[in-house]
Amino acid sequence: MDLAFGIGLIAATLTTLAFLPQVVRTWRRRSADDLSAGTFLLLFTGIVLWLLYGILRRDPIIILANAVGVTLVGSLLLMIWRFRLRTRTPASERQLSEPLR
């Protein structure tokens, strides 16, 4: 293993696993209220593009890191969607004076 490969492997591992604590925290709390869906949607799109780039370049580090990243960030997006749907109040239960969100 050459130096560049080793640095790339370590960097890919650290930046990819950086999402894991947020996934675990969101799952345990069953709340995504403090997360920005827009931020994670943009991030997810970027990671998908990096994954496609890695596939086209046949670069195993880029492919593996971004496949895991797509999984982690995708799971956060699903939790944001699921937990926010669960906490919404149906329109029939809202007071007329309450503003729409």
PDB file of N, CA and C in Angstrom:
ATOM      1  N   MET A   1       0.861  -1.176   0.000  1.00  0.00           N
ATOM      2  CA  MET A   1       0.000   0.000   0.000  1.00  0.00           C
ATOM      3  C   MET A   1       0.905   1.236   0.000  1.00  0.00           C
ATOM      4  N   ASP A   2       0.677   2.114  -0.965  1.00  0.00           N
ATOM      5  CA  ASP A   2       1.477   3.336  -1.005  1.00  0.00           C
ATOM      6  C   ASP A   2       0.872   4.406  -0.098  1.00  0.00           C
ATOM      7  N   LEU A   3       1.626   5.467   0.119  1.00  0.00           N
ATOM      8  CA  LEU A   3       1.222   6.525   1.050  1.00  0.00           C
ATOM      9  C   LEU A   3      -0.087   7.196   0.641  1.00  0.00           C
ATOM     10  N   ALA A   4      -0.233   7.527  -0.636  1.00  0.00           N
ATOM     11  CA  ALA A   4      -1.451   8.202  -1.109  1.00  0.00           C
ATOM     12  C   ALA A   4      -2.676   7.329  -0.881  1.00  0.00           C
ATOM     13  N   PHE A   5      -2.557   6.037  -1.147  1.00  0.00           N
ATOM     14  CA  PHE A   5      -3.676   5.118  -0.940  1.00  0.00           C
ATOM     15  C   PHE A   5      -4.047   5.065   0.543  1.00  0.00           C
ATOM     16  N   GLY A   6      -3.041   4.985   1.407  1.00  0.00           N
ATOM     17  CA  GLY A   6      -3.290   4.930   2.850  1.00  0.00           C
ATOM     18  C   GLY A   6      -3.962   6.189   3.371  1.00  0.00           C
ATOM     19  N   ILE A   7      -3.488   7.342   2.918  1.00  0.00           N
ATOM     20  CA  ILE A   7      -4.106   8.612   3.329  1.00  0.00           C
ATOM     21  C   ILE A   7      -5.543   8.683   2.829  1.00  0.00           C
ATOM     22  N   GLY A   8      -5.765   8.290   1.584  1.00  0.00           N
ATOM     23  CA  GLY A   8      -7.119   8.287   1.021  1.00  0.00           C
ATOM     24  C   GLY A   8      -8.048   7.371   1.789  1.00  0.00           C
ATOM     25  N   LEU A   9      -7.545   6.204   2.166  1.00  0.00           N
ATOM     26  CA  LEU A   9      -8.356   5.240   2.913  1.00  0.00           C
ATOM     27  C   LEU A   9      -8.738   5.786   4.289  1.00  0.00           C
ATOM     28  N   ILE A  10      -7.771   6.368   4.984  1.00  0.00           N
ATOM     29  CA  ILE A  10      -8.049   6.936   6.311  1.00  0.00           C
ATOM     30  C   ILE A  10      -9.016   8.114   6.202  1.00  0.00           C
ATOM     31  N   ALA A  11      -8.785   9.004   5.250  1.00  0.00           N
ATOM     32  CA  ALA A  11      -9.666  10.164   5.064  1.00  0.00           C
ATOM     33  C   ALA A  11     -11.083   9.727   4.719  1.00  0.00           C
ATOM     34  N   ALA A  12     -11.212   8.774   3.824  1.00  0.00           N
ATOM     35  CA  ALA A  12     -12.539   8.287   3.432  1.00  0.00           C
ATOM     36  C   ALA A  12     -13.252   7.644   4.608  1.00  0.00           C
ATOM     37  N   THR A  13     -12.525   6.874   5.402  1.00  0.00           N
ATOM     38  CA  THR A  13     -13.121   6.209   6.564  1.00  0.00           C
ATOM     39  C   THR A  13     -13.621   7.234   7.579  1.00  0.00           C
ATOM     40  N   LEU A  14     -12.790   8.208   7.902  1.00  0.00           N
ATOM     41  CA  LEU A  14     -13.174   9.202   8.913  1.00  0.00           C
ATOM     42  C   LEU A  14     -14.337  10.077   8.463  1.00  0.00           C
ATOM     43  N   THR A  15     -14.288  10.574   7.232  1.00  0.00           N
ATOM     44  CA  THR A  15     -15.365  11.457   6.777  1.00  0.00           C
ATOM     45  C   THR A  15     -16.670  10.701   6.590  1.00  0.00           C
ATOM     46  N   THR A  16     -16.586   9.440   6.231  1.00  0.00           N
ATOM     47  CA  THR A  16     -17.803   8.644   6.060  1.00  0.00           C
ATOM     48  C   THR A  16     -18.419   8.302   7.406  1.00  0.00           C
ATOM     49  N   LEU A  17     -17.597   7.870   8.347  1.00  0.00           N
ATOM     50  CA  LEU A  17     -18.113   7.487   9.661  1.00  0.00           C
ATOM     51  C   LEU A  17     -18.541   8.685  10.502  1.00  0.00           C
ATOM     52  N   ALA A  18     -18.221   9.891  10.067  1.00  0.00           N
ATOM     53  CA  ALA A  18     -18.633  11.093  10.797  1.00  0.00           C
ATOM     54  C   ALA A  18     -20.153  11.209  10.895  1.00  0.00           C
ATOM     55  N   PHE A  19     -20.880  10.583   9.977  1.00  0.00           N
ATOM     56  CA  PHE A  19     -22.343  10.644  10.000  1.00  0.00           C
ATOM     57  C   PHE A  19     -22.959   9.658  10.995  1.00  0.00           C
ATOM     58  N   LEU A  20     -22.207   8.652  11.386  1.00  0.00           N
ATOM     59  CA  LEU A  20     -22.750   7.596  12.241  1.00  0.00           C
ATOM     60  C   LEU A  20     -23.296   8.114  13.577  1.00  0.00           C
ATOM     61  N   PRO A  21     -22.590   8.980  14.314  1.00  0.00           N
ATOM     62  CA  PRO A  21     -23.163   9.477  15.570  1.00  0.00           C
ATOM     63  C   PRO A  21     -24.509  10.192  15.379  1.00  0.00           C
ATOM     64  N   GLN A  22     -24.666  10.932  14.286  1.00  0.00           N
ATOM     65  CA  GLN A  22     -25.934  11.623  14.034  1.00  0.00           C
ATOM     66  C   GLN A  22     -27.046  10.633  13.742  1.00  0.00           C
ATOM     67  N   VAL A  23     -26.743   9.583  12.992  1.00  0.00           N
ATOM     68  CA  VAL A  23     -27.735   8.544  12.700  1.00  0.00           C
ATOM     69  C   VAL A  23     -28.185   7.882  13.995  1.00  0.00           C
ATOM     70  N   VAL A  24     -27.235   7.503  14.841  1.00  0.00           N
ATOM     71  CA  VAL A  24     -27.558   6.838  16.109  1.00  0.00           C
ATOM     72  C   VAL A  24     -28.365   7.767  17.010  1.00  0.00           C
ATOM     73  N   ARG A  25     -27.947   9.016  17.128  1.00  0.00           N
ATOM     74  CA  ARG A  25     -28.655   9.984  17.986  1.00  0.00           C
ATOM     75  C   ARG A  25     -30.089  10.214  17.511  1.00  0.00           C
ATOM     76  N   THR A  26     -30.249  10.391  16.212  1.00  0.00           N
ATOM     77  CA  THR A  26     -31.589  10.634  15.662  1.00  0.00           C
ATOM     78  C   THR A  26     -32.478   9.424  15.887  1.00  0.00           C
ATOM     79  N   TRP A  27     -31.938   8.235  15.692  1.00  0.00           N
ATOM     80  CA  TRP A  27     -32.724   7.009  15.875  1.00  0.00           C
ATOM     81  C   TRP A  27     -33.126   6.839  17.342  1.00  0.00           C
ATOM     82  N   ARG A  28     -32.192   7.049  18.255  1.00  0.00           N
ATOM     83  CA  ARG A  28     -32.492   6.875  19.685  1.00  0.00           C
ATOM     84  C   ARG A  28     -33.514   7.895  20.184  1.00  0.00           C
ATOM     85  N   ARG A  29     -33.401   9.128  19.730  1.00  0.00           N
ATOM     86  CA  ARG A  29     -34.322  10.181  20.169  1.00  0.00           C
ATOM     87  C   ARG A  29     -35.666  10.108  19.459  1.00  0.00           C
ATOM     88  N   ARG A  30     -35.699   9.428  18.330  1.00  0.00           N
ATOM     89  CA  ARG A  30     -36.908   9.350  17.499  1.00  0.00           C
ATOM     90  C   ARG A  30     -37.395  10.755  17.130  1.00  0.00           C
ATOM     91  N   SER A  31     -36.417  11.639  16.907  1.00  0.00           N
ATOM     92  CA  SER A  31     -36.736  13.015  16.551  1.00  0.00           C
ATOM     93  C   SER A  31     -35.670  13.548  15.603  1.00  0.00           C
ATOM     94  N   ALA A  32     -36.131  14.247  14.575  1.00  0.00           N
ATOM     95  CA  ALA A  32     -35.221  14.887  13.625  1.00  0.00           C
ATOM     96  C   ALA A  32     -35.533  16.375  13.528  1.00  0.00           C
ATOM     97  N   ASP A  33     -36.162  16.907  14.569  1.00  0.00           N
ATOM     98  CA  ASP A  33     -36.594  18.306  14.549  1.00  0.00           C
ATOM     99  C   ASP A  33     -35.442  19.289  14.384  1.00  0.00           C
ATOM    100  N   ASP A  34     -34.272  18.937  14.897  1.00  0.00           N
ATOM    101  CA  ASP A  34     -33.149  19.868  14.832  1.00  0.00           C
ATOM    102  C   ASP A  34     -32.262  19.666  13.603  1.00  0.00           C
ATOM    103  N   LEU A  35     -32.697  18.832  12.659  1.00  0.00           N
ATOM    104  CA  LEU A  35     -31.923  18.575  11.445  1.00  0.00           C
ATOM    105  C   LEU A  35     -32.521  19.315  10.256  1.00  0.00           C
ATOM    106  N   SER A  36     -31.661  19.788   9.387  1.00  0.00           N
ATOM    107  CA  SER A  36     -32.102  20.485   8.182  1.00  0.00           C
ATOM    108  C   SER A  36     -32.253  19.485   7.038  1.00  0.00           C
ATOM    109  N   ALA A  37     -33.475  19.276   6.605  1.00  0.00           N
ATOM    110  CA  ALA A  37     -33.726  18.353   5.494  1.00  0.00           C
ATOM    111  C   ALA A  37     -33.030  18.833   4.225  1.00  0.00           C
ATOM    112  N   GLY A  38     -33.026  20.134   3.991  1.00  0.00           N
ATOM    113  CA  GLY A  38     -32.387  20.683   2.800  1.00  0.00           C
ATOM    114  C   GLY A  38     -30.892  20.406   2.769  1.00  0.00           C
ATOM    115  N   THR A  39     -30.241  20.568   3.908  1.00  0.00           N
ATOM    116  CA  THR A  39     -28.810  20.303   3.989  1.00  0.00           C
ATOM    117  C   THR A  39     -28.511  18.845   3.671  1.00  0.00           C
ATOM    118  N   PHE A  40     -29.267  17.949   4.284  1.00  0.00           N
ATOM    119  CA  PHE A  40     -29.008  16.528   4.062  1.00  0.00           C
ATOM    120  C   PHE A  40     -29.415  16.078   2.664  1.00  0.00           C
ATOM    121  N   LEU A  41     -30.394  16.722   2.071  1.00  0.00           N
ATOM    122  CA  LEU A  41     -30.766  16.398   0.691  1.00  0.00           C
ATOM    123  C   LEU A  41     -29.652  16.814  -0.278  1.00  0.00           C
ATOM    124  N   LEU A  42     -29.096  17.994  -0.075  1.00  0.00           N
ATOM    125  CA  LEU A  42     -27.962  18.430  -0.897  1.00  0.00           C
ATOM    126  C   LEU A  42     -26.752  17.520  -0.696  1.00  0.00           C
ATOM    127  N   LEU A  43     -26.483  17.177   0.552  1.00  0.00           N
ATOM    128  CA  LEU A  43     -25.368  16.289   0.857  1.00  0.00           C
ATOM    129  C   LEU A  43     -25.562  14.922   0.206  1.00  0.00           C
ATOM    130  N   PHE A  44     -26.773  14.382   0.293  1.00  0.00           N
ATOM    131  CA  PHE A  44     -27.091  13.085  -0.312  1.00  0.00           C
ATOM    132  C   PHE A  44     -26.849  13.125  -1.820  1.00  0.00           C
ATOM    133  N   THR A  45     -27.299  14.198  -2.463  1.00  0.00           N
ATOM    134  CA  THR A  45     -27.106  14.343  -3.909  1.00  0.00           C
ATOM    135  C   THR A  45     -25.617  14.375  -4.253  1.00  0.00           C
ATOM    136  N   GLY A  46     -24.853  15.121  -3.484  1.00  0.00           N
ATOM    137  CA  GLY A  46     -23.411  15.183  -3.707  1.00  0.00           C
ATOM    138  C   GLY A  46     -22.733  13.837  -3.528  1.00  0.00           C
ATOM    139  N   ILE A  47     -23.141  13.096  -2.507  1.00  0.00           N
ATOM    140  CA  ILE A  47     -22.546  11.782  -2.264  1.00  0.00           C
ATOM    141  C   ILE A  47     -22.897  10.811  -3.388  1.00  0.00           C
ATOM    142  N   VAL A  48     -24.130  10.867  -3.879  1.00  0.00           N
ATOM    143  CA  VAL A  48     -24.513  10.017  -5.012  1.00  0.00           C
ATOM    144  C   VAL A  48     -23.630  10.330  -6.220  1.00  0.00           C
ATOM    145  N   LEU A  49     -23.389  11.613  -6.470  1.00  0.00           N
ATOM    146  CA  LEU A  49     -22.525  11.995  -7.590  1.00  0.00           C
ATOM    147  C   LEU A  49     -21.088  11.520  -7.376  1.00  0.00           C
ATOM    148  N   TRP A  50     -20.586  11.610  -6.147  1.00  0.00           N
ATOM    149  CA  TRP A  50     -19.257  11.078  -5.854  1.00  0.00           C
ATOM    150  C   TRP A  50     -19.213   9.571  -6.071  1.00  0.00           C
ATOM    151  N   LEU A  51     -20.278   8.882  -5.697  1.00  0.00           N
ATOM    152  CA  LEU A  51     -20.348   7.438  -5.912  1.00  0.00           C
ATOM    153  C   LEU A  51     -20.288   7.117  -7.400  1.00  0.00           C
ATOM    154  N   LEU A  52     -21.058   7.836  -8.199  1.00  0.00           N
ATOM    155  CA  LEU A  52     -21.023   7.633  -9.650  1.00  0.00           C
ATOM    156  C   LEU A  52     -19.636   7.934 -10.211  1.00  0.00           C
ATOM    157  N   TYR A  53     -19.014   8.983  -9.719  1.00  0.00           N
ATOM    158  CA  TYR A  53     -17.653   9.327 -10.137  1.00  0.00           C
ATOM    159  C   TYR A  53     -16.691   8.175  -9.816  1.00  0.00           C
ATOM    160  N   GLY A  54     -16.787   7.643  -8.607  1.00  0.00           N
ATOM    161  CA  GLY A  54     -15.930   6.529  -8.212  1.00  0.00           C
ATOM    162  C   GLY A  54     -16.140   5.301  -9.073  1.00  0.00           C
ATOM    163  N   ILE A  55     -17.394   5.037  -9.426  1.00  0.00           N
ATOM    164  CA  ILE A  55     -17.700   3.898 -10.295  1.00  0.00           C
ATOM    165  C   ILE A  55     -17.076   4.115 -11.671  1.00  0.00           C
ATOM    166  N   LEU A  56     -17.239   5.317 -12.218  1.00  0.00           N
ATOM    167  CA  LEU A  56     -16.668   5.616 -13.532  1.00  0.00           C
ATOM    168  C   LEU A  56     -15.138   5.547 -13.522  1.00  0.00           C
ATOM    169  N   ARG A  57     -14.537   5.954 -12.415  1.00  0.00           N
ATOM    170  CA  ARG A  57     -13.069   5.924 -12.291  1.00  0.00           C
ATOM    171  C   ARG A  57     -12.561   4.566 -11.815  1.00  0.00           C
ATOM    172  N   ARG A  58     -13.479   3.713 -11.403  1.00  0.00           N
ATOM    173  CA  ARG A  58     -13.138   2.389 -10.848  1.00  0.00           C
ATOM    174  C   ARG A  58     -12.196   2.518  -9.650  1.00  0.00           C
ATOM    175  N   ASP A  59     -12.557   3.441  -8.776  1.00  0.00           N
ATOM    176  CA  ASP A  59     -11.747   3.709  -7.588  1.00  0.00           C
ATOM    177  C   ASP A  59     -12.438   3.099  -6.368  1.00  0.00           C
ATOM    178  N   PRO A  60     -11.886   2.007  -5.830  1.00  0.00           N
ATOM    179  CA  PRO A  60     -12.566   1.303  -4.736  1.00  0.00           C
ATOM    180  C   PRO A  60     -12.752   2.141  -3.473  1.00  0.00           C
ATOM    181  N   ILE A  61     -11.814   3.028  -3.166  1.00  0.00           N
ATOM    182  CA  ILE A  61     -11.957   3.861  -1.965  1.00  0.00           C
ATOM    183  C   ILE A  61     -13.143   4.801  -2.121  1.00  0.00           C
ATOM    184  N   ILE A  62     -13.236   5.476  -3.242  1.00  0.00           N
ATOM    185  CA  ILE A  62     -14.337   6.414  -3.475  1.00  0.00           C
ATOM    186  C   ILE A  62     -15.666   5.666  -3.514  1.00  0.00           C
ATOM    187  N   ILE A  63     -15.682   4.508  -4.141  1.00  0.00           N
ATOM    188  CA  ILE A  63     -16.916   3.721  -4.233  1.00  0.00           C
ATOM    189  C   ILE A  63     -17.374   3.287  -2.848  1.00  0.00           C
ATOM    190  N   LEU A  64     -16.487   2.679  -2.075  1.00  0.00           N
ATOM    191  CA  LEU A  64     -16.863   2.165  -0.754  1.00  0.00           C
ATOM    192  C   LEU A  64     -17.284   3.285   0.194  1.00  0.00           C
ATOM    193  N   ALA A  65     -16.483   4.341   0.256  1.00  0.00           N
ATOM    194  CA  ALA A  65     -16.797   5.440   1.173  1.00  0.00           C
ATOM    195  C   ALA A  65     -18.144   6.067   0.844  1.00  0.00           C
ATOM    196  N   ASN A  66     -18.414   6.268  -0.425  1.00  0.00           N
ATOM    197  CA  ASN A  66     -19.656   6.936  -0.796  1.00  0.00           C
ATOM    198  C   ASN A  66     -20.856   6.001  -0.795  1.00  0.00           C
ATOM    199  N   ALA A  67     -20.637   4.708  -0.965  1.00  0.00           N
ATOM    200  CA  ALA A  67     -21.740   3.753  -0.808  1.00  0.00           C
ATOM    201  C   ALA A  67     -22.202   3.744   0.650  1.00  0.00           C
ATOM    202  N   VAL A  68     -21.249   3.757   1.571  1.00  0.00           N
ATOM    203  CA  VAL A  68     -21.601   3.833   2.994  1.00  0.00           C
ATOM    204  C   VAL A  68     -22.228   5.194   3.300  1.00  0.00           C
ATOM    205  N   GLY A  69     -21.678   6.258   2.733  1.00  0.00           N
ATOM    206  CA  GLY A  69     -22.225   7.599   2.944  1.00  0.00           C
ATOM    207  C   GLY A  69     -23.656   7.733   2.462  1.00  0.00           C
ATOM    208  N   VAL A  70     -23.948   7.173   1.284  1.00  0.00           N
ATOM    209  CA  VAL A  70     -25.320   7.189   0.757  1.00  0.00           C
ATOM    210  C   VAL A  70     -26.252   6.468   1.724  1.00  0.00           C
ATOM    211  N   THR A  71     -25.787   5.351   2.269  1.00  0.00           N
ATOM    212  CA  THR A  71     -26.605   4.588   3.214  1.00  0.00           C
ATOM    213  C   THR A  71     -26.875   5.389   4.487  1.00  0.00           C
ATOM    214  N   LEU A  72     -25.841   5.991   5.056  1.00  0.00           N
ATOM    215  CA  LEU A  72     -26.008   6.735   6.310  1.00  0.00           C
ATOM    216  C   LEU A  72     -26.839   8.000   6.124  1.00  0.00           C
ATOM    217  N   VAL A  73     -26.502   8.799   5.127  1.00  0.00           N
ATOM    218  CA  VAL A  73     -27.244  10.045   4.906  1.00  0.00           C
ATOM    219  C   VAL A  73     -28.652   9.735   4.411  1.00  0.00           C
ATOM    220  N   GLY A  74     -28.802   8.692   3.602  1.00  0.00           N
ATOM    221  CA  GLY A  74     -30.136   8.269   3.164  1.00  0.00           C
ATOM    222  C   GLY A  74     -30.998   7.854   4.342  1.00  0.00           C
ATOM    223  N   SER A  75     -30.393   7.155   5.311  1.00  0.00           N
ATOM    224  CA  SER A  75     -31.168   6.766   6.492  1.00  0.00           C
ATOM    225  C   SER A  75     -31.569   7.992   7.305  1.00  0.00           C
ATOM    226  N   LEU A  76     -30.700   9.011   7.367  1.00  0.00           N
ATOM    227  CA  LEU A  76     -31.079  10.252   8.052  1.00  0.00           C
ATOM    228  C   LEU A  76     -32.246  10.934   7.351  1.00  0.00           C
ATOM    229  N   LEU A  77     -32.217  10.977   6.031  1.00  0.00           N
ATOM    230  CA  LEU A  77     -33.329  11.581   5.284  1.00  0.00           C
ATOM    231  C   LEU A  77     -34.627  10.825   5.534  1.00  0.00           C
ATOM    232  N   LEU A  78     -34.555   9.506   5.563  1.00  0.00           N
ATOM    233  CA  LEU A  78     -35.762   8.717   5.849  1.00  0.00           C
ATOM    234  C   LEU A  78     -36.277   8.982   7.259  1.00  0.00           C
ATOM    235  N   MET A  79     -35.362   9.106   8.220  1.00  0.00           N
ATOM    236  CA  MET A  79     -35.792   9.398   9.588  1.00  0.00           C
ATOM    237  C   MET A  79     -36.389  10.799   9.688  1.00  0.00           C
ATOM    238  N   ILE A  80     -35.787  11.774   9.002  1.00  0.00           N
ATOM    239  CA  ILE A  80     -36.355  13.127   8.994  1.00  0.00           C
ATOM    240  C   ILE A  80     -37.783  13.069   8.476  1.00  0.00           C
ATOM    241  N   TRP A  81     -37.986  12.406   7.376  1.00  0.00           N
ATOM    242  CA  TRP A  81     -39.314  12.294   6.764  1.00  0.00           C
ATOM    243  C   TRP A  81     -40.277  11.544   7.689  1.00  0.00           C
ATOM    244  N   ARG A  82     -39.843  10.402   8.204  1.00  0.00           N
ATOM    245  CA  ARG A  82     -40.723   9.570   9.037  1.00  0.00           C
ATOM    246  C   ARG A  82     -41.085  10.252  10.358  1.00  0.00           C
ATOM    247  N   PHE A  83     -40.097  10.766  11.055  1.00  0.00           N
ATOM    248  CA  PHE A  83     -40.353  11.349  12.367  1.00  0.00           C
ATOM    249  C   PHE A  83     -41.132  12.654  12.264  1.00  0.00           C
ATOM    250  N   ARG A  84     -40.920  13.413  11.214  1.00  0.00           N
ATOM    251  CA  ARG A  84     -41.684  14.656  11.055  1.00  0.00           C
ATOM    252  C   ARG A  84     -43.116  14.380  10.648  1.00  0.00           C
ATOM    253  N   LEU A  85     -43.352  13.351   9.855  1.00  0.00           N
ATOM    254  CA  LEU A  85     -44.731  12.988   9.508  1.00  0.00           C
ATOM    255  C   LEU A  85     -45.496  12.548  10.744  1.00  0.00           C
ATOM    256  N   ARG A  86     -44.809  11.818  11.608  1.00  0.00           N
ATOM    257  CA  ARG A  86     -45.442  11.301  12.812  1.00  0.00           C
ATOM    258  C   ARG A  86     -45.857  12.414  13.761  1.00  0.00           C
ATOM    259  N   THR A  87     -45.093  13.493  13.796  1.00  0.00           N
ATOM    260  CA  THR A  87     -45.379  14.558  14.756  1.00  0.00           C
ATOM    261  C   THR A  87     -46.304  15.639  14.214  1.00  0.00           C
ATOM    262  N   ARG A  88     -46.649  15.568  12.947  1.00  0.00           N
ATOM    263  CA  ARG A  88     -47.560  16.574  12.380  1.00  0.00           C
ATOM    264  C   ARG A  88     -48.976  16.366  12.899  1.00  0.00           C
ATOM    265  N   THR A  89     -49.648  17.456  13.102  1.00  0.00           N
ATOM    266  CA  THR A  89     -51.042  17.414  13.522  1.00  0.00           C
ATOM    267  C   THR A  89     -51.921  17.436  12.277  1.00  0.00           C
ATOM    268  N   PRO A  90     -52.890  16.529  12.190  1.00  0.00           N
ATOM    269  CA  PRO A  90     -53.791  16.565  11.033  1.00  0.00           C
ATOM    270  C   PRO A  90     -54.512  17.905  10.942  1.00  0.00           C
ATOM    271  N   ALA A  91     -54.812  18.328   9.720  1.00  0.00           N
ATOM    272  CA  ALA A  91     -55.462  19.622   9.485  1.00  0.00           C
ATOM    273  C   ALA A  91     -56.782  19.734  10.235  1.00  0.00           C
ATOM    274  N   SER A  92     -57.502  18.643  10.363  1.00  0.00           N
ATOM    275  CA  SER A  92     -58.798  18.682  11.036  1.00  0.00           C
ATOM    276  C   SER A  92     -58.666  18.982  12.526  1.00  0.00           C
ATOM    277  N   GLU A  93     -57.473  18.773  13.100  1.00  0.00           N
ATOM    278  CA  GLU A  93     -57.280  19.008  14.526  1.00  0.00           C
ATOM    279  C   GLU A  93     -56.667  20.374  14.825  1.00  0.00           C
ATOM    280  N   ARG A  94     -56.206  21.097  13.813  1.00  0.00           N
ATOM    281  CA  ARG A  94     -55.610  22.416  14.020  1.00  0.00           C
ATOM    282  C   ARG A  94     -56.679  23.445  14.357  1.00  0.00           C
ATOM    283  N   GLN A  95     -56.316  24.399  15.183  1.00  0.00           N
ATOM    284  CA  GLN A  95     -57.225  25.500  15.459  1.00  0.00           C
ATOM    285  C   GLN A  95     -57.184  26.455  14.280  1.00  0.00           C
ATOM    286  N   LEU A  96     -58.289  27.127  14.030  1.00  0.00           N
ATOM    287  CA  LEU A  96     -58.348  28.044  12.897  1.00  0.00           C
ATOM    288  C   LEU A  96     -57.347  29.183  13.026  1.00  0.00           C
ATOM    289  N   SER A  97     -57.033  29.581  14.242  1.00  0.00           N
ATOM    290  CA  SER A  97     -56.112  30.697  14.426  1.00  0.00           C
ATOM    291  C   SER A  97     -54.645  30.273  14.305  1.00  0.00           C
ATOM    292  N   GLU A  98     -54.380  28.979  14.308  1.00  0.00           N
ATOM    293  CA  GLU A  98     -53.002  28.496  14.225  1.00  0.00           C
ATOM    294  C   GLU A  98     -52.480  28.646  12.796  1.00  0.00           C
ATOM    295  N   PRO A  99     -51.321  29.269  12.622  1.00  0.00           N
ATOM    296  CA  PRO A  99     -50.776  29.425  11.259  1.00  0.00           C
ATOM    297  C   PRO A  99     -50.331  28.079  10.689  1.00  0.00           C
ATOM    298  N   LEU A 100     -50.417  27.965   9.384  1.00  0.00           N
ATOM    299  CA  LEU A 100     -49.942  26.759   8.720  1.00  0.00           C
ATOM    300  C   LEU A 100     -48.428  26.733   8.749  1.00  0.00           C
ATOM    301  N   ARG A 101     -47.865  25.543   8.844  1.00  0.00           N
ATOM    302  CA  ARG A 101     -46.395  25.410   8.903  1.00  0.00           C
ATOM    303  C   ARG A 101     -45.854  24.977   7.584  1.00  0.00           C
TER     304      ARG A 101
END
